[in-house]
């Protein structure tokens, strides 16, 4: 089958101005868009966005849809198991592949375009699968809210003519969660779980060892009730911890503060700090104007 051209991203539109306000209308619009592709490979990470796209692809295309999950040291613990469980629940065909982004020097060096190299590796592999199985297009879970942030991975997607059905349908994150809840997907309120490499400050090398330190630290926080938490890596094995603002006082109070420091030092960190500004998605990008 021939690959359809990539559409230019639609501009972000406030949810209240969308032509389809009801969740069922949004869901049906997404289903119609997926059906128009004829067949597809879904880049499936088990996050809310890609899960909704995978569910829509299965409903619209059935066996002509395939979800593919890439796995490497950058995948947080538990995400692969959840991907398997969600794919089985949705009923979509599912394939797991190992990606080799750590063999790419530009990825390990961790310049601000790191995500471009990671997504290029993923989309190269998905393109091989697409061609081998005669599927029409690759699709991802980008939504209109992603258009307002620094996302070098979107250029990699454009290079491989990846379609973004949520963007094409002008669906934002709140719309994605509404559809997920409407379809009774158990991860409708799941916090964002980007790859572990996104926690490493630009200019600091991305290594499996550092990602394991991050993963262990975040797992420790989640086990103690910090549902949204980031352990960000800075030079000198310094951990900058972000939790939601109302939970900062609890994290910094004894005995938890001492337990936190002891645990992270055991995981390999030399210094442990708590960011007083609290959790911000993509906070590493705040330094980009300085780096540029």
Protein backbone atom coordinates (compact mmCIF):
# COMPACT_ATOMS: atom_id res chain seq x y z
CA UNK A 1 0.00 0.00 0.00
CA UNK A 2 1.21 3.50 -0.71
CA UNK A 3 1.94 5.79 2.18
CA UNK A 4 -0.31 8.80 2.58
CA UNK A 5 1.36 12.23 2.84
CA UNK A 6 1.98 13.73 6.24
CA UNK A 7 -0.44 16.50 7.10
CA UNK A 8 0.86 19.75 8.53
CA UNK A 9 -0.01 20.00 12.24
CA UNK A 10 -3.22 21.86 12.89
CA UNK A 11 -2.90 24.91 15.15
CA UNK A 12 -3.75 24.40 18.79
CA UNK A 13 -7.42 25.20 19.35
CA UNK A 14 -8.95 25.81 22.80
CA UNK A 15 -11.22 22.92 23.74
CA UNK A 16 -14.26 25.16 24.06
CA UNK A 17 -13.99 26.25 20.41
CA UNK A 18 -13.74 22.76 18.93
CA UNK A 19 -16.55 21.91 16.52
CA UNK A 20 -17.20 18.69 18.41
CA UNK A 21 -17.66 19.40 22.11
CA UNK A 22 -19.01 16.09 23.35
CA UNK A 23 -16.63 13.28 24.13
CA UNK A 24 -18.56 10.86 21.96
CA UNK A 25 -18.24 13.24 19.02
CA UNK A 26 -14.51 13.58 19.59
CA UNK A 27 -14.16 9.80 19.80
CA UNK A 28 -16.15 9.27 16.61
CA UNK A 29 -14.12 11.90 14.81
CA UNK A 30 -10.92 10.11 15.86
CA UNK A 31 -12.32 6.75 14.71
CA UNK A 32 -13.21 8.21 11.32
CA UNK A 33 -9.71 9.63 10.94
CA UNK A 34 -8.08 6.29 11.77
CA UNK A 35 -10.45 4.48 9.39
CA UNK A 36 -9.37 6.84 6.59
CA UNK A 37 -5.79 5.57 6.90
CA UNK A 38 -6.87 2.06 5.77
CA UNK A 39 -4.16 0.43 7.95
CA UNK A 40 -1.46 1.59 10.36
CA UNK A 41 1.41 0.94 12.75
CA UNK A 42 0.91 2.68 16.11
CA UNK A 43 3.95 3.89 18.04
CA UNK A 44 2.65 2.58 21.36
CA UNK A 45 4.30 3.62 24.64
CA UNK A 46 1.36 2.80 26.97
CA UNK A 47 0.91 6.47 27.83
CA UNK A 48 -2.59 7.92 27.70
CA UNK A 49 -2.15 9.48 24.25
CA UNK A 50 -0.79 6.45 22.42
CA UNK A 51 -3.22 4.16 24.23
CA UNK A 52 -6.20 6.17 23.00
CA UNK A 53 -4.76 6.13 19.47
CA UNK A 54 -4.16 2.36 19.68
CA UNK A 55 -7.71 1.79 20.96
CA UNK A 56 -9.10 3.92 18.14
CA UNK A 57 -6.98 2.07 15.59
CA UNK A 58 -8.25 -1.30 16.81
CA UNK A 59 -11.87 -0.14 16.76
CA UNK A 60 -11.56 1.42 13.32
CA UNK A 61 -9.21 -1.00 11.57
CA UNK A 62 -9.18 -4.27 13.52
CA UNK A 63 -6.44 -6.62 12.27
CA UNK A 64 -5.18 -3.90 9.92
CA UNK A 65 -3.75 -2.07 12.96
CA UNK A 66 -0.55 -3.03 14.75
CA UNK A 67 0.79 -1.50 17.97
CA UNK A 68 4.58 -1.55 18.40
CA UNK A 69 6.39 -0.79 21.65
CA UNK A 70 10.08 0.03 21.63
CA UNK A 71 12.09 -0.99 24.67
CA UNK A 72 15.51 0.08 25.92
CA UNK A 73 17.20 1.32 29.09
CA UNK A 74 15.23 4.57 28.74
CA UNK A 75 11.88 2.87 29.41
CA UNK A 76 10.69 3.31 33.03
CA UNK A 77 10.19 0.12 35.04
CA UNK A 78 6.73 -1.33 34.68
CA UNK A 79 5.87 0.45 31.43
CA UNK A 80 6.53 -2.60 29.22
CA UNK A 81 4.30 -4.81 31.35
CA UNK A 82 1.58 -2.18 31.22
CA UNK A 83 1.94 -1.95 27.43
CA UNK A 84 1.36 -5.69 27.17
CA UNK A 85 -1.67 -5.52 29.47
CA UNK A 86 -3.21 -2.57 27.66
CA UNK A 87 -2.70 -4.07 24.22
CA UNK A 88 -4.39 -7.27 25.37
CA UNK A 89 -7.27 -5.30 26.88
CA UNK A 90 -7.72 -3.25 23.71
CA UNK A 91 -7.38 -6.34 21.54
CA UNK A 92 -4.86 -4.84 19.15
CA UNK A 93 -2.03 -6.84 17.62
CA UNK A 94 1.11 -5.98 19.57
CA UNK A 95 4.81 -6.28 18.82
CA UNK A 96 7.74 -5.43 21.09
CA UNK A 97 11.06 -4.39 19.60
CA UNK A 98 14.43 -3.45 21.09
CA UNK A 99 15.75 -0.06 20.00
CA UNK A 100 19.45 0.86 19.85
CA UNK A 101 19.51 4.60 20.45
CA UNK A 102 22.44 4.17 22.86
CA UNK A 103 24.61 3.23 19.88
CA UNK A 104 24.03 6.71 18.45
CA UNK A 105 26.71 9.10 19.72
CA UNK A 106 24.48 12.15 19.25
CA UNK A 107 21.86 10.60 21.51
CA UNK A 108 24.31 9.75 24.28
CA UNK A 109 25.89 13.23 24.13
CA UNK A 110 22.46 14.63 25.02
CA UNK A 111 22.29 17.93 23.19
CA UNK A 112 18.86 19.59 23.12
CA UNK A 113 18.02 17.60 19.96
CA UNK A 114 18.47 14.26 21.75
CA UNK A 115 14.82 13.31 21.20
CA UNK A 116 15.26 13.69 17.44
CA UNK A 117 17.84 10.91 17.40
CA UNK A 118 15.76 8.66 19.65
CA UNK A 119 12.62 9.07 17.55
CA UNK A 120 14.60 8.63 14.34
CA UNK A 121 15.77 5.24 15.62
CA UNK A 122 12.21 4.28 16.55
CA UNK A 123 10.59 5.46 13.33
CA UNK A 124 13.26 3.76 11.20
CA UNK A 125 12.32 0.46 12.82
CA UNK A 126 8.60 1.14 12.53
CA UNK A 127 9.05 1.96 8.85
CA UNK A 128 10.69 -1.43 8.29
CA UNK A 129 7.75 -3.11 10.03
CA UNK A 130 5.25 -1.03 8.05
CA UNK A 131 6.80 -2.04 4.75
CA UNK A 132 7.20 -5.69 5.72
CA UNK A 133 3.54 -5.97 6.71
CA UNK A 134 2.13 -3.83 3.92
CA UNK A 135 0.60 -1.26 6.25
CA UNK A 136 -0.22 2.23 5.03
CA UNK A 137 1.09 4.64 7.66
CA UNK A 138 2.83 5.07 11.00
CA UNK A 139 0.83 6.97 13.61
CA UNK A 140 1.84 8.47 16.96
CA UNK A 141 0.10 9.93 20.00
CA UNK A 142 1.03 13.60 19.66
CA UNK A 143 -1.83 15.92 20.65
CA UNK A 144 -2.33 19.65 20.08
CA UNK A 145 -0.85 20.57 23.48
CA UNK A 146 2.46 19.09 22.32
CA UNK A 147 2.70 21.74 19.61
CA UNK A 148 3.44 24.43 22.20
CA UNK A 149 6.60 22.82 23.62
CA UNK A 150 10.08 22.13 22.26
CA UNK A 151 9.66 18.71 20.61
CA UNK A 152 12.54 17.80 18.27
CA UNK A 153 11.00 14.33 17.93
CA UNK A 154 8.30 15.91 15.78
CA UNK A 155 10.89 16.59 13.07
CA UNK A 156 11.82 12.92 13.11
CA UNK A 157 8.13 12.10 12.74
CA UNK A 158 7.84 14.45 9.77
CA UNK A 159 10.87 12.81 8.14
CA UNK A 160 9.03 9.48 8.17
CA UNK A 161 5.62 10.92 7.24
CA UNK A 162 4.18 9.88 10.59
CA UNK A 163 0.55 10.84 11.06
CA UNK A 164 -0.70 12.38 14.31
CA UNK A 165 -4.45 11.66 14.38
CA UNK A 166 -5.04 13.52 17.66
CA UNK A 167 -3.51 16.66 16.14
CA UNK A 168 -5.44 16.19 12.91
CA UNK A 169 -8.64 15.96 14.98
CA UNK A 170 -7.57 18.99 17.08
CA UNK A 171 -7.76 17.00 20.31
CA UNK A 172 -5.83 18.30 23.32
CA UNK A 173 -4.72 16.43 26.44
CA UNK A 174 -7.99 16.98 28.27
CA UNK A 175 -9.84 15.60 25.26
CA UNK A 176 -7.58 12.56 25.17
CA UNK A 177 -8.27 11.82 28.83
CA UNK A 178 -12.00 12.30 28.28
CA UNK A 179 -11.98 9.76 25.43
CA UNK A 180 -9.92 7.32 27.50
CA UNK A 181 -12.44 7.53 30.34
CA UNK A 182 -15.36 7.28 27.90
CA UNK A 183 -13.85 4.06 26.49
CA UNK A 184 -13.15 2.83 30.05
CA UNK A 185 -9.41 2.62 29.54
CA UNK A 186 -7.82 2.15 32.99
CA UNK A 187 -5.04 4.66 32.35
CA UNK A 188 -7.32 7.63 31.60
CA UNK A 189 -5.84 9.56 34.55
CA UNK A 190 -2.31 8.15 34.33
CA UNK A 191 0.39 10.79 34.88
CA UNK A 192 2.71 11.45 31.98
CA UNK A 193 5.64 9.01 31.89
CA UNK A 194 8.16 10.23 29.30
CA UNK A 195 11.37 8.31 28.71
CA UNK A 196 13.94 8.37 31.50
CA UNK A 197 16.45 10.16 29.29
CA UNK A 198 14.29 13.28 29.49
CA UNK A 199 15.35 13.59 33.13
CA UNK A 200 19.05 14.07 32.26
CA UNK A 201 20.17 17.69 31.98
CA UNK A 202 21.27 18.65 28.48
CA UNK A 203 25.02 18.25 28.06
CA UNK A 204 25.27 15.42 30.56
CA UNK A 205 25.79 12.04 28.91
CA UNK A 206 22.83 9.68 28.87
CA UNK A 207 23.98 6.29 30.16
CA UNK A 208 22.07 3.17 31.25
CA UNK A 209 23.62 3.52 34.71
CA UNK A 210 22.31 7.04 35.20
CA UNK A 211 18.88 6.05 33.93
CA UNK A 212 18.77 3.20 36.41
CA UNK A 213 19.54 5.66 39.23
CA UNK A 214 16.67 7.84 38.04
CA UNK A 215 14.28 4.92 37.69
CA UNK A 216 15.04 3.63 41.19
CA UNK A 217 14.61 7.09 42.69
CA UNK A 218 11.25 7.68 41.04
CA UNK A 219 10.02 4.21 41.97
CA UNK A 220 10.96 4.94 45.61
CA UNK A 221 8.92 8.15 45.53
CA UNK A 222 5.90 6.49 43.93
CA UNK A 223 5.95 3.75 46.55
CA UNK A 224 5.56 6.48 49.18
CA UNK A 225 2.56 8.09 47.56
CA UNK A 226 4.17 10.70 45.31
CA UNK A 227 2.15 9.88 42.22
CA UNK A 228 3.73 12.61 40.10
CA UNK A 229 7.48 12.83 40.65
CA UNK A 230 10.67 13.39 38.69
CA UNK A 231 14.27 12.73 39.71
CA UNK A 232 16.33 14.83 37.34
CA UNK A 233 20.05 14.23 36.79
CA UNK A 234 22.52 17.12 36.96
CA UNK A 235 26.32 17.24 36.84
CA UNK A 236 28.14 15.55 39.68
CA UNK A 237 25.44 12.93 40.34
CA UNK A 238 23.10 15.60 41.75
CA UNK A 239 19.42 14.66 41.97
CA UNK A 240 16.91 17.50 41.57
CA UNK A 241 13.57 16.15 42.73
CA UNK A 242 10.26 17.56 41.57
CA UNK A 243 6.97 16.62 43.22
CA UNK A 244 3.64 18.44 43.13
CA UNK A 245 3.83 21.67 45.12
CA UNK A 246 1.39 20.65 47.88
CA UNK A 247 3.58 17.63 48.62
CA UNK A 248 6.92 19.42 48.96
CA UNK A 249 6.50 20.03 52.70
CA UNK A 250 5.76 16.36 53.33
CA UNK A 251 8.81 15.25 51.35
CA UNK A 252 11.08 17.67 53.23
CA UNK A 253 9.80 16.76 56.71
CA UNK A 254 11.52 14.23 58.91
CA UNK A 255 11.70 11.28 58.94
CA UNK A 256 10.94 11.10 55.20
CA UNK A 257 13.61 13.63 54.30
CA UNK A 258 16.33 11.54 55.89
CA UNK A 259 14.97 8.33 54.37
CA UNK A 260 14.93 9.99 50.94
CA UNK A 261 18.54 11.09 51.19
CA UNK A 262 19.71 7.69 52.41
CA UNK A 263 17.81 5.85 49.69
CA UNK A 264 19.05 7.99 46.83
CA UNK A 265 22.63 7.83 48.05
CA UNK A 266 22.30 4.06 48.08
CA UNK A 267 21.14 4.22 44.46
CA UNK A 268 24.32 6.09 43.48
CA UNK A 269 23.45 9.77 43.93
CA UNK A 270 26.00 12.03 45.67
CA UNK A 271 23.75 15.05 46.27
CA UNK A 272 19.99 15.26 46.77
CA UNK A 273 17.94 18.44 46.35
CA UNK A 274 14.21 19.18 46.24
CA UNK A 275 13.06 21.79 43.70
CA UNK A 276 11.05 24.44 45.58
CA UNK A 277 9.09 25.28 42.41
CA UNK A 278 7.54 21.82 42.33
CA UNK A 279 6.80 19.57 39.37
CA UNK A 280 6.82 21.13 35.90
CA UNK A 281 6.52 19.01 32.79
CA UNK A 282 9.62 19.48 30.63
CA UNK A 283 11.41 21.68 33.15
CA UNK A 284 14.78 20.79 31.57
CA UNK A 285 13.70 22.91 28.59
CA UNK A 286 13.61 26.03 30.78
CA UNK A 287 17.35 26.39 30.21
CA UNK A 288 17.18 26.17 26.42
CA UNK A 289 17.40 29.96 25.79
CA UNK A 290 20.55 30.00 27.92
CA UNK A 291 22.01 26.97 26.16
CA UNK A 292 21.17 28.45 22.78
